[in-house]
């Protein structure tokens, strides 16, 4: 079966596009949910009109076309799939709904908010509503109202995380354990040392807080066995998604997988190339490898009982 995100009203998406979609196979083949929170490319006309340099800013805010990678991997492995259609420019689903850069809000910070409430990313301009980027500077021509902020949180952010939590709980209940693979893409990393190329993949587990260490170890080993350059937690250990949904003690694990964009996009890091197929095949193998571990953790049979 499949389900789509539901929004109350059409003030944000007048074109009728849902903020996200959840696809669940009738008989999930693995206890894994693949998600792509930064893959959204459904820009409303109003959003684009308010952006100073929409083509540049959109390209750098998005995990460009990683939703296509995630979808192909999910279909190849019978994994559940949650894809954001809302662009990160509108609201960042990998940030807490409290992580607001109040410079973006017309009314400013409420009395209860304090400067210490914002973390480093928010202060740098990449909070819940991204405000600025290197080179471009300020992204927006005008700020938004508190009412608009509240609407984005209530109709996009909270439903997305509610759907994510519910599907992970459903998989855990069926299999005894579940794993979230939060798929992102990153710009090419610089050399780690002189003469040593940067990582092509980064496995993040919030330094062990969001997942059983065995799953991170298997993921790192898998990439190494496939002769891929991989790093662990540096420079990306994961964000709000892993903080909120990774609960190893409750049988729900979460890993973030960063993919170098040069592996599947063109030289401008804009459009997919034929190399995307090999990345899909590689990540499909990762899903199957991790599924074996998760299944053993949950003590479930390889093929779960049919849903009632």
C-alpha atoms as a PDB file:
ATOM      1  CA  UNK A   1       0.000   0.000   0.000  1.00  0.00           C
ATOM      2  CA  UNK A   2       1.050   3.608  -0.213  1.00  0.00           C
ATOM      3  CA  UNK A   3       0.138   6.793   1.610  1.00  0.00           C
ATOM      4  CA  UNK A   4       0.743  10.443   0.895  1.00  0.00           C
ATOM      5  CA  UNK A   5       1.246  13.382   3.181  1.00  0.00           C
ATOM      6  CA  UNK A   6      -1.864  15.449   3.804  1.00  0.00           C
ATOM      7  CA  UNK A   7      -1.903  19.215   4.131  1.00  0.00           C
ATOM      8  CA  UNK A   8      -4.687  21.299   5.643  1.00  0.00           C
ATOM      9  CA  UNK A   9      -5.485  24.027   3.162  1.00  0.00           C
ATOM     10  CA  UNK A  10      -3.663  25.140   0.021  1.00  0.00           C
ATOM     11  CA  UNK A  11      -1.925  28.351   1.006  1.00  0.00           C
ATOM     12  CA  UNK A  12       1.484  26.700   0.684  1.00  0.00           C
ATOM     13  CA  UNK A  13       0.933  24.328  -2.245  1.00  0.00           C
ATOM     14  CA  UNK A  14      -1.595  25.862  -4.563  1.00  0.00           C
ATOM     15  CA  UNK A  15      -0.536  23.378  -7.224  1.00  0.00           C
ATOM     16  CA  UNK A  16      -1.916  20.532  -5.108  1.00  0.00           C
ATOM     17  CA  UNK A  17       1.406  18.754  -4.544  1.00  0.00           C
ATOM     18  CA  UNK A  18       1.633  16.965  -1.218  1.00  0.00           C
ATOM     19  CA  UNK A  19       4.593  17.893   0.998  1.00  0.00           C
ATOM     20  CA  UNK A  20       5.771  14.288   1.141  1.00  0.00           C
ATOM     21  CA  UNK A  21       4.843  10.771   0.090  1.00  0.00           C
ATOM     22  CA  UNK A  22       5.077   7.516   2.008  1.00  0.00           C
ATOM     23  CA  UNK A  23       5.209   4.289   0.039  1.00  0.00           C
ATOM     24  CA  UNK A  24       4.836   1.021   1.910  1.00  0.00           C
ATOM     25  CA  UNK A  25       4.935  -2.305   0.013  1.00  0.00           C
ATOM     26  CA  UNK A  26       2.076  -4.684   0.671  1.00  0.00           C
ATOM     27  CA  UNK A  27       4.672  -7.088   2.072  1.00  0.00           C
ATOM     28  CA  UNK A  28       7.824  -5.167   3.028  1.00  0.00           C
ATOM     29  CA  UNK A  29      10.857  -7.277   2.165  1.00  0.00           C
ATOM     30  CA  UNK A  30      13.149  -5.652   4.717  1.00  0.00           C
ATOM     31  CA  UNK A  31      12.689  -3.977   8.128  1.00  0.00           C
ATOM     32  CA  UNK A  32      14.073  -0.737   6.718  1.00  0.00           C
ATOM     33  CA  UNK A  33      12.595   2.668   5.954  1.00  0.00           C
ATOM     34  CA  UNK A  34      14.495   4.782   3.432  1.00  0.00           C
ATOM     35  CA  UNK A  35      13.915   8.529   3.719  1.00  0.00           C
ATOM     36  CA  UNK A  36      15.055  11.580   1.747  1.00  0.00           C
ATOM     37  CA  UNK A  37      14.147  14.736   3.694  1.00  0.00           C
ATOM     38  CA  UNK A  38      16.173  17.119   1.508  1.00  0.00           C
ATOM     39  CA  UNK A  39      15.171  15.763  -1.903  1.00  0.00           C
ATOM     40  CA  UNK A  40      12.143  18.007  -2.463  1.00  0.00           C
ATOM     41  CA  UNK A  41      11.954  20.075  -5.648  1.00  0.00           C
ATOM     42  CA  UNK A  42       8.330  21.227  -5.683  1.00  0.00           C
ATOM     43  CA  UNK A  43       8.721  25.015  -5.557  1.00  0.00           C
ATOM     44  CA  UNK A  44       5.630  27.176  -5.458  1.00  0.00           C
ATOM     45  CA  UNK A  45       5.730  30.312  -7.657  1.00  0.00           C
ATOM     46  CA  UNK A  46       5.584  32.518  -4.573  1.00  0.00           C
ATOM     47  CA  UNK A  47       8.587  30.807  -3.023  1.00  0.00           C
ATOM     48  CA  UNK A  48      10.677  31.248  -6.161  1.00  0.00           C
ATOM     49  CA  UNK A  49       9.649  34.884  -6.533  1.00  0.00           C
ATOM     50  CA  UNK A  50      10.870  35.622  -3.022  1.00  0.00           C
ATOM     51  CA  UNK A  51      14.304  34.040  -3.622  1.00  0.00           C
ATOM     52  CA  UNK A  52      17.104  36.396  -4.668  1.00  0.00           C
ATOM     53  CA  UNK A  53      18.927  33.841  -6.836  1.00  0.00           C
ATOM     54  CA  UNK A  54      16.576  30.852  -7.018  1.00  0.00           C
ATOM     55  CA  UNK A  55      18.638  28.703  -9.385  1.00  0.00           C
ATOM     56  CA  UNK A  56      21.823  29.010  -7.348  1.00  0.00           C
ATOM     57  CA  UNK A  57      20.189  28.781  -3.918  1.00  0.00           C
ATOM     58  CA  UNK A  58      17.908  25.868  -4.795  1.00  0.00           C
ATOM     59  CA  UNK A  59      20.771  23.868  -6.275  1.00  0.00           C
ATOM     60  CA  UNK A  60      22.888  24.234  -3.142  1.00  0.00           C
ATOM     61  CA  UNK A  61      20.126  23.721  -0.595  1.00  0.00           C
ATOM     62  CA  UNK A  62      18.790  20.549  -2.209  1.00  0.00           C
ATOM     63  CA  UNK A  63      20.262  17.091  -1.910  1.00  0.00           C
ATOM     64  CA  UNK A  64      19.988  17.178  -5.656  1.00  0.00           C
ATOM     65  CA  UNK A  65      18.006  14.237  -7.114  1.00  0.00           C
ATOM     66  CA  UNK A  66      18.784  12.049  -4.118  1.00  0.00           C
ATOM     67  CA  UNK A  67      15.064  11.296  -4.014  1.00  0.00           C
ATOM     68  CA  UNK A  68      15.479   9.405  -7.298  1.00  0.00           C
ATOM     69  CA  UNK A  69      18.285   7.364  -5.779  1.00  0.00           C
ATOM     70  CA  UNK A  70      16.233   6.616  -2.656  1.00  0.00           C
ATOM     71  CA  UNK A  71      13.171   5.618  -4.675  1.00  0.00           C
ATOM     72  CA  UNK A  72      15.106   3.260  -6.943  1.00  0.00           C
ATOM     73  CA  UNK A  73      16.814   1.589  -3.972  1.00  0.00           C
ATOM     74  CA  UNK A  74      13.512   1.169  -2.129  1.00  0.00           C
ATOM     75  CA  UNK A  75      11.861  -0.403  -5.155  1.00  0.00           C
ATOM     76  CA  UNK A  76      14.824  -2.759  -5.688  1.00  0.00           C
ATOM     77  CA  UNK A  77      14.749  -3.988  -2.089  1.00  0.00           C
ATOM     78  CA  UNK A  78      11.048  -3.761  -1.147  1.00  0.00           C
ATOM     79  CA  UNK A  79      11.902  -1.237   1.556  1.00  0.00           C
ATOM     80  CA  UNK A  80       9.459   1.383   2.791  1.00  0.00           C
ATOM     81  CA  UNK A  81      10.068   4.846   1.371  1.00  0.00           C
ATOM     82  CA  UNK A  82       9.434   8.375   2.658  1.00  0.00           C
ATOM     83  CA  UNK A  83      10.283  11.205   0.272  1.00  0.00           C
ATOM     84  CA  UNK A  84       9.873  14.924   0.873  1.00  0.00           C
ATOM     85  CA  UNK A  85       8.489  16.938  -2.034  1.00  0.00           C
ATOM     86  CA  UNK A  86       8.707  20.150  -0.037  1.00  0.00           C
ATOM     87  CA  UNK A  87      12.021  21.846  -0.839  1.00  0.00           C
ATOM     88  CA  UNK A  88      14.454  22.495   1.968  1.00  0.00           C
ATOM     89  CA  UNK A  89      14.182  26.190   1.103  1.00  0.00           C
ATOM     90  CA  UNK A  90      10.627  26.198   2.462  1.00  0.00           C
ATOM     91  CA  UNK A  91      11.349  24.239   5.642  1.00  0.00           C
ATOM     92  CA  UNK A  92      14.210  21.992   6.685  1.00  0.00           C
ATOM     93  CA  UNK A  93      12.873  18.636   7.844  1.00  0.00           C
ATOM     94  CA  UNK A  94      16.247  17.788   9.394  1.00  0.00           C
ATOM     95  CA  UNK A  95      15.918  20.617  11.926  1.00  0.00           C
ATOM     96  CA  UNK A  96      13.872  20.838  15.093  1.00  0.00           C
ATOM     97  CA  UNK A  97      10.753  22.984  14.860  1.00  0.00           C
ATOM     98  CA  UNK A  98      12.334  25.012  17.675  1.00  0.00           C
ATOM     99  CA  UNK A  99      15.457  25.751  15.623  1.00  0.00           C
ATOM    100  CA  UNK A 100      14.209  29.032  14.202  1.00  0.00           C
ATOM    101  CA  UNK A 101      16.396  31.817  12.896  1.00  0.00           C
ATOM    102  CA  UNK A 102      14.287  34.702  14.158  1.00  0.00           C
ATOM    103  CA  UNK A 103      15.881  37.113  11.691  1.00  0.00           C
ATOM    104  CA  UNK A 104      13.602  35.407   9.142  1.00  0.00           C
ATOM    105  CA  UNK A 105      10.391  36.266  11.015  1.00  0.00           C
ATOM    106  CA  UNK A 106       8.722  39.662  10.616  1.00  0.00           C
ATOM    107  CA  UNK A 107       7.550  39.804  14.222  1.00  0.00           C
ATOM    108  CA  UNK A 108      10.942  38.707  15.525  1.00  0.00           C
ATOM    109  CA  UNK A 109      11.514  36.311  18.402  1.00  0.00           C
ATOM    110  CA  UNK A 110       8.722  35.813  20.946  1.00  0.00           C
ATOM    111  CA  UNK A 111       9.409  36.856  24.508  1.00  0.00           C
ATOM    112  CA  UNK A 112      10.083  33.261  25.588  1.00  0.00           C
ATOM    113  CA  UNK A 113      12.796  32.747  22.971  1.00  0.00           C
ATOM    114  CA  UNK A 114      16.421  33.420  23.882  1.00  0.00           C
ATOM    115  CA  UNK A 115      19.566  33.596  21.724  1.00  0.00           C
ATOM    116  CA  UNK A 116      20.854  30.441  23.366  1.00  0.00           C
ATOM    117  CA  UNK A 117      17.858  28.513  22.027  1.00  0.00           C
ATOM    118  CA  UNK A 118      19.331  28.608  18.511  1.00  0.00           C
ATOM    119  CA  UNK A 119      22.102  26.170  17.697  1.00  0.00           C
ATOM    120  CA  UNK A 120      25.171  26.729  15.546  1.00  0.00           C
ATOM    121  CA  UNK A 121      23.436  25.884  12.272  1.00  0.00           C
ATOM    122  CA  UNK A 122      20.593  28.314  12.942  1.00  0.00           C
ATOM    123  CA  UNK A 123      23.006  31.102  13.818  1.00  0.00           C
ATOM    124  CA  UNK A 124      24.930  30.437  10.597  1.00  0.00           C
ATOM    125  CA  UNK A 125      21.756  30.840   8.536  1.00  0.00           C
ATOM    126  CA  UNK A 126      20.775  27.174   8.096  1.00  0.00           C
ATOM    127  CA  UNK A 127      18.018  26.760  10.641  1.00  0.00           C
ATOM    128  CA  UNK A 128      14.459  25.530  10.237  1.00  0.00           C
ATOM    129  CA  UNK A 129      13.931  28.140   7.493  1.00  0.00           C
ATOM    130  CA  UNK A 130      17.293  28.582   5.728  1.00  0.00           C
ATOM    131  CA  UNK A 131      18.232  32.290   5.580  1.00  0.00           C
ATOM    132  CA  UNK A 132      21.641  32.631   4.006  1.00  0.00           C
ATOM    133  CA  UNK A 133      24.265  30.780   1.947  1.00  0.00           C
ATOM    134  CA  UNK A 134      27.950  31.343   1.221  1.00  0.00           C
ATOM    135  CA  UNK A 135      28.559  33.603  -1.817  1.00  0.00           C
ATOM    136  CA  UNK A 136      24.838  34.438  -2.166  1.00  0.00           C
ATOM    137  CA  UNK A 137      24.393  35.776   1.345  1.00  0.00           C
ATOM    138  CA  UNK A 138      20.749  36.425   2.159  1.00  0.00           C
ATOM    139  CA  UNK A 139      18.481  34.028   0.262  1.00  0.00           C
ATOM    140  CA  UNK A 140      15.217  35.920   0.541  1.00  0.00           C
ATOM    141  CA  UNK A 141      13.867  39.258  -0.667  1.00  0.00           C
ATOM    142  CA  UNK A 142      11.442  39.467   2.242  1.00  0.00           C
ATOM    143  CA  UNK A 143      10.882  37.821   5.603  1.00  0.00           C
ATOM    144  CA  UNK A 144       7.874  35.673   6.471  1.00  0.00           C
ATOM    145  CA  UNK A 145       5.246  36.129   9.167  1.00  0.00           C
ATOM    146  CA  UNK A 146       4.851  34.105  12.338  1.00  0.00           C
ATOM    147  CA  UNK A 147       1.572  32.818  10.893  1.00  0.00           C
ATOM    148  CA  UNK A 148       3.375  31.501   7.794  1.00  0.00           C
ATOM    149  CA  UNK A 149       6.032  29.849   9.943  1.00  0.00           C
ATOM    150  CA  UNK A 150       3.391  28.167  12.093  1.00  0.00           C
ATOM    151  CA  UNK A 151       1.559  26.947   9.002  1.00  0.00           C
ATOM    152  CA  UNK A 152       4.684  25.386   7.521  1.00  0.00           C
ATOM    153  CA  UNK A 153       5.382  23.594  10.796  1.00  0.00           C
ATOM    154  CA  UNK A 154       1.815  22.339  11.225  1.00  0.00           C
ATOM    155  CA  UNK A 155       1.212  21.244   7.623  1.00  0.00           C
ATOM    156  CA  UNK A 156       4.653  19.969   6.600  1.00  0.00           C
ATOM    157  CA  UNK A 157       7.149  19.425   9.416  1.00  0.00           C
ATOM    158  CA  UNK A 158       4.974  17.737  12.026  1.00  0.00           C
ATOM    159  CA  UNK A 159       3.061  15.472   9.603  1.00  0.00           C
ATOM    160  CA  UNK A 160       6.342  14.335   8.046  1.00  0.00           C
ATOM    161  CA  UNK A 161       7.866  13.348  11.366  1.00  0.00           C
ATOM    162  CA  UNK A 162       4.622  11.778  12.524  1.00  0.00           C
ATOM    163  CA  UNK A 163       4.543   9.587   9.395  1.00  0.00           C
ATOM    164  CA  UNK A 164       8.211   8.706   9.893  1.00  0.00           C
ATOM    165  CA  UNK A 165       7.707   7.690  13.516  1.00  0.00           C
ATOM    166  CA  UNK A 166       4.583   5.662  12.772  1.00  0.00           C
ATOM    167  CA  UNK A 167       6.172   3.680   9.944  1.00  0.00           C
ATOM    168  CA  UNK A 168       9.290   2.915  11.978  1.00  0.00           C
ATOM    169  CA  UNK A 169       7.116   1.718  14.850  1.00  0.00           C
ATOM    170  CA  UNK A 170       5.116  -0.426  12.427  1.00  0.00           C
ATOM    171  CA  UNK A 171       8.266  -2.050  11.046  1.00  0.00           C
ATOM    172  CA  UNK A 172       9.638  -2.605  14.546  1.00  0.00           C
ATOM    173  CA  UNK A 173       6.405  -4.243  15.634  1.00  0.00           C
ATOM    174  CA  UNK A 174       6.487  -6.591  12.622  1.00  0.00           C
ATOM    175  CA  UNK A 175      10.172  -7.473  12.693  1.00  0.00           C
ATOM    176  CA  UNK A 176      11.223  -6.886  16.282  1.00  0.00           C
ATOM    177  CA  UNK A 177      13.616  -4.142  15.153  1.00  0.00           C
ATOM    178  CA  UNK A 178      13.683  -1.469  12.460  1.00  0.00           C
ATOM    179  CA  UNK A 179      16.240   0.737  10.736  1.00  0.00           C
ATOM    180  CA  UNK A 180      15.891   4.195   9.225  1.00  0.00           C
ATOM    181  CA  UNK A 181      18.330   5.015   6.439  1.00  0.00           C
ATOM    182  CA  UNK A 182      18.209   8.796   6.069  1.00  0.00           C
ATOM    183  CA  UNK A 183      19.676   9.451   2.626  1.00  0.00           C
ATOM    184  CA  UNK A 184      21.466  12.726   1.868  1.00  0.00           C
ATOM    185  CA  UNK A 185      23.972  13.987  -0.670  1.00  0.00           C
ATOM    186  CA  UNK A 186      27.050  16.115  -0.099  1.00  0.00           C
ATOM    187  CA  UNK A 187      29.399  18.220  -2.216  1.00  0.00           C
ATOM    188  CA  UNK A 188      32.750  16.579  -2.967  1.00  0.00           C
ATOM    189  CA  UNK A 189      34.933  16.496   0.140  1.00  0.00           C
ATOM    190  CA  UNK A 190      38.490  17.755   0.104  1.00  0.00           C
ATOM    191  CA  UNK A 191      41.460  15.496   0.629  1.00  0.00           C
ATOM    192  CA  UNK A 192      41.719  14.116   4.142  1.00  0.00           C
ATOM    193  CA  UNK A 193      45.515  14.119   3.944  1.00  0.00           C
ATOM    194  CA  UNK A 194      48.039  15.006   1.285  1.00  0.00           C
ATOM    195  CA  UNK A 195      47.562  12.595  -1.593  1.00  0.00           C
ATOM    196  CA  UNK A 196      44.496  10.955   0.017  1.00  0.00           C
ATOM    197  CA  UNK A 197      41.120  11.542  -1.618  1.00  0.00           C
ATOM    198  CA  UNK A 198      38.082  12.603   0.384  1.00  0.00           C
ATOM    199  CA  UNK A 199      35.328  10.173   1.324  1.00  0.00           C
ATOM    200  CA  UNK A 200      32.677   9.265  -1.233  1.00  0.00           C
ATOM    201  CA  UNK A 201      30.238   8.204   1.491  1.00  0.00           C
ATOM    202  CA  UNK A 202      29.784   9.223   5.114  1.00  0.00           C
ATOM    203  CA  UNK A 203      27.934   7.021   7.597  1.00  0.00           C
ATOM    204  CA  UNK A 204      26.490   9.015  10.493  1.00  0.00           C
ATOM    205  CA  UNK A 205      25.075   7.608  13.723  1.00  0.00           C
ATOM    206  CA  UNK A 206      25.350  10.626  16.055  1.00  0.00           C
ATOM    207  CA  UNK A 207      28.545   9.096  17.443  1.00  0.00           C
ATOM    208  CA  UNK A 208      26.744   5.921  18.478  1.00  0.00           C
ATOM    209  CA  UNK A 209      23.588   7.490  19.913  1.00  0.00           C
ATOM    210  CA  UNK A 210      21.142   6.718  17.088  1.00  0.00           C
ATOM    211  CA  UNK A 211      22.005   3.112  16.232  1.00  0.00           C
ATOM    212  CA  UNK A 212      23.524  -0.088  17.472  1.00  0.00           C
ATOM    213  CA  UNK A 213      27.266   0.124  16.691  1.00  0.00           C
ATOM    214  CA  UNK A 214      27.064  -3.161  14.801  1.00  0.00           C
ATOM    215  CA  UNK A 215      24.958  -1.522  12.080  1.00  0.00           C
ATOM    216  CA  UNK A 216      27.418   1.308  11.585  1.00  0.00           C
ATOM    217  CA  UNK A 217      30.257  -1.191  11.527  1.00  0.00           C
ATOM    218  CA  UNK A 218      28.522  -3.309   8.881  1.00  0.00           C
ATOM    219  CA  UNK A 219      27.804  -0.249   6.752  1.00  0.00           C
ATOM    220  CA  UNK A 220      31.417   0.922   6.920  1.00  0.00           C
ATOM    221  CA  UNK A 221      32.684  -2.575   6.191  1.00  0.00           C
ATOM    222  CA  UNK A 222      30.326  -2.922   3.235  1.00  0.00           C
ATOM    223  CA  UNK A 223      31.559   0.255   1.557  1.00  0.00           C
ATOM    224  CA  UNK A 224      35.179  -0.688   2.193  1.00  0.00           C
ATOM    225  CA  UNK A 225      34.638  -4.155   0.731  1.00  0.00           C
ATOM    226  CA  UNK A 226      33.168  -2.492  -2.352  1.00  0.00           C
ATOM    227  CA  UNK A 227      36.366  -0.405  -2.627  1.00  0.00           C
ATOM    228  CA  UNK A 228      34.558   2.821  -1.798  1.00  0.00           C
ATOM    229  CA  UNK A 229      36.065   5.605   0.285  1.00  0.00           C
ATOM    230  CA  UNK A 230      33.954   5.945   3.418  1.00  0.00           C
ATOM    231  CA  UNK A 231      34.087   8.000   6.613  1.00  0.00           C
ATOM    232  CA  UNK A 232      32.307   7.657   9.933  1.00  0.00           C
ATOM    233  CA  UNK A 233      30.510  10.675  11.456  1.00  0.00           C
ATOM    234  CA  UNK A 234      32.944  13.206  10.006  1.00  0.00           C
ATOM    235  CA  UNK A 235      32.122  15.668   8.706  1.00  0.00           C
ATOM    236  CA  UNK A 236      28.458  14.583   8.950  1.00  0.00           C
ATOM    237  CA  UNK A 237      27.173  12.660  11.973  1.00  0.00           C
ATOM    238  CA  UNK A 238      23.467  13.222  11.338  1.00  0.00           C
ATOM    239  CA  UNK A 239      20.975  15.824  12.495  1.00  0.00           C
ATOM    240  CA  UNK A 240      17.549  16.233  14.021  1.00  0.00           C
ATOM    241  CA  UNK A 241      16.060  13.237  12.201  1.00  0.00           C
ATOM    242  CA  UNK A 242      18.521  10.869  13.882  1.00  0.00           C
ATOM    243  CA  UNK A 243      18.246  12.656  17.230  1.00  0.00           C
ATOM    244  CA  UNK A 244      14.472  12.318  17.217  1.00  0.00           C
ATOM    245  CA  UNK A 245      13.903   8.911  15.672  1.00  0.00           C
ATOM    246  CA  UNK A 246      16.956   6.842  16.557  1.00  0.00           C
ATOM    247  CA  UNK A 247      16.028   4.854  19.673  1.00  0.00           C
ATOM    248  CA  UNK A 248      18.218   1.737  19.806  1.00  0.00           C
ATOM    249  CA  UNK A 249      16.955   0.765  23.266  1.00  0.00           C
ATOM    250  CA  UNK A 250      13.451   0.526  21.770  1.00  0.00           C
ATOM    251  CA  UNK A 251      14.552  -1.443  18.732  1.00  0.00           C
ATOM    252  CA  UNK A 252      14.526   1.513  16.327  1.00  0.00           C
ATOM    253  CA  UNK A 253      17.876   2.385  14.778  1.00  0.00           C
ATOM    254  CA  UNK A 254      18.786   5.267  12.478  1.00  0.00           C
ATOM    255  CA  UNK A 255      21.753   5.911  10.197  1.00  0.00           C
ATOM    256  CA  UNK A 256      22.453   8.852   7.921  1.00  0.00           C
ATOM    257  CA  UNK A 257      24.113   8.063   4.598  1.00  0.00           C
ATOM    258  CA  UNK A 258      25.786  10.928   2.745  1.00  0.00           C
ATOM    259  CA  UNK A 259      26.553  10.331  -0.938  1.00  0.00           C
ATOM    260  CA  UNK A 260      29.018  12.465  -2.862  1.00  0.00           C
ATOM    261  CA  UNK A 261      27.057  14.224  -5.589  1.00  0.00           C
ATOM    262  CA  UNK A 262      29.834  13.747  -8.123  1.00  0.00           C
ATOM    263  CA  UNK A 263      29.100  10.003  -8.067  1.00  0.00           C
ATOM    264  CA  UNK A 264      25.738  10.356  -9.803  1.00  0.00           C
ATOM    265  CA  UNK A 265      25.401  13.948 -11.067  1.00  0.00           C
ATOM    266  CA  UNK A 266      27.046  15.834 -13.927  1.00  0.00           C
ATOM    267  CA  UNK A 267      29.980  18.223 -13.576  1.00  0.00           C
ATOM    268  CA  UNK A 268      27.662  21.050 -12.578  1.00  0.00           C
ATOM    269  CA  UNK A 269      26.243  18.793  -9.827  1.00  0.00           C
ATOM    270  CA  UNK A 270      22.829  19.495 -11.283  1.00  0.00           C
ATOM    271  CA  UNK A 271      21.452  16.598 -13.351  1.00  0.00           C
ATOM    272  CA  UNK A 272      21.671  12.790 -13.030  1.00  0.00           C
ATOM    273  CA  UNK A 273      24.028  10.790 -15.220  1.00  0.00           C
ATOM    274  CA  UNK A 274      24.162   7.132 -16.216  1.00  0.00           C
ATOM    275  CA  UNK A 275      26.346   6.550 -13.157  1.00  0.00           C
ATOM    276  CA  UNK A 276      23.283   6.801 -10.945  1.00  0.00           C
ATOM    277  CA  UNK A 277      22.427   3.173 -11.775  1.00  0.00           C
ATOM    278  CA  UNK A 278      25.656   1.925 -10.220  1.00  0.00           C
ATOM    279  CA  UNK A 279      25.023   3.930  -7.040  1.00  0.00           C
ATOM    280  CA  UNK A 280      21.517   2.478  -6.807  1.00  0.00           C
ATOM    281  CA  UNK A 281      22.953  -1.027  -7.164  1.00  0.00           C
ATOM    282  CA  UNK A 282      25.591  -0.299  -4.513  1.00  0.00           C
ATOM    283  CA  UNK A 283      23.086   1.085  -2.005  1.00  0.00           C
ATOM    284  CA  UNK A 284      20.642  -1.735  -2.681  1.00  0.00           C
ATOM    285  CA  UNK A 285      23.368  -4.142  -1.602  1.00  0.00           C
ATOM    286  CA  UNK A 286      23.873  -2.061   1.541  1.00  0.00           C
ATOM    287  CA  UNK A 287      20.168  -2.274   2.362  1.00  0.00           C
ATOM    288  CA  UNK A 288      20.168  -6.056   2.010  1.00  0.00           C
ATOM    289  CA  UNK A 289      23.306  -6.362   4.142  1.00  0.00           C
ATOM    290  CA  UNK A 290      21.908  -4.199   6.929  1.00  0.00           C
ATOM    291  CA  UNK A 291      18.517  -5.906   6.713  1.00  0.00           C
ATOM    292  CA  UNK A 292      20.148  -9.194   7.725  1.00  0.00           C
ATOM    293  CA  UNK A 293      21.602  -7.560  10.836  1.00  0.00           C
ATOM    294  CA  UNK A 294      18.352  -5.837  11.791  1.00  0.00           C
ATOM    295  CA  UNK A 295      16.382  -9.038  11.324  1.00  0.00           C
ATOM    296  CA  UNK A 296      18.740 -10.890  13.655  1.00  0.00           C
ATOM    297  CA  UNK A 297      18.497  -8.094  16.226  1.00  0.00           C
ATOM    298  CA  UNK A 298      14.735  -8.324  16.201  1.00  0.00           C
ATOM    299  CA  UNK A 299      14.687 -12.107  16.346  1.00  0.00           C
ATOM    300  CA  UNK A 300      12.167 -12.169  13.519  1.00  0.00           C
ATOM    301  CA  UNK A 301      11.951 -14.679  10.698  1.00  0.00           C
ATOM    302  CA  UNK A 302      13.437 -13.665   7.348  1.00  0.00           C
ATOM    303  CA  UNK A 303       9.951 -13.348   5.858  1.00  0.00           C
ATOM    304  CA  UNK A 304       7.490 -11.620   8.208  1.00  0.00           C
ATOM    305  CA  UNK A 305       3.877 -12.657   8.536  1.00  0.00           C
ATOM    306  CA  UNK A 306       1.436 -11.025   6.156  1.00  0.00           C
ATOM    307  CA  UNK A 307      -0.254  -7.899   7.457  1.00  0.00           C
ATOM    308  CA  UNK A 308      -3.715  -8.434   8.821  1.00  0.00           C
END
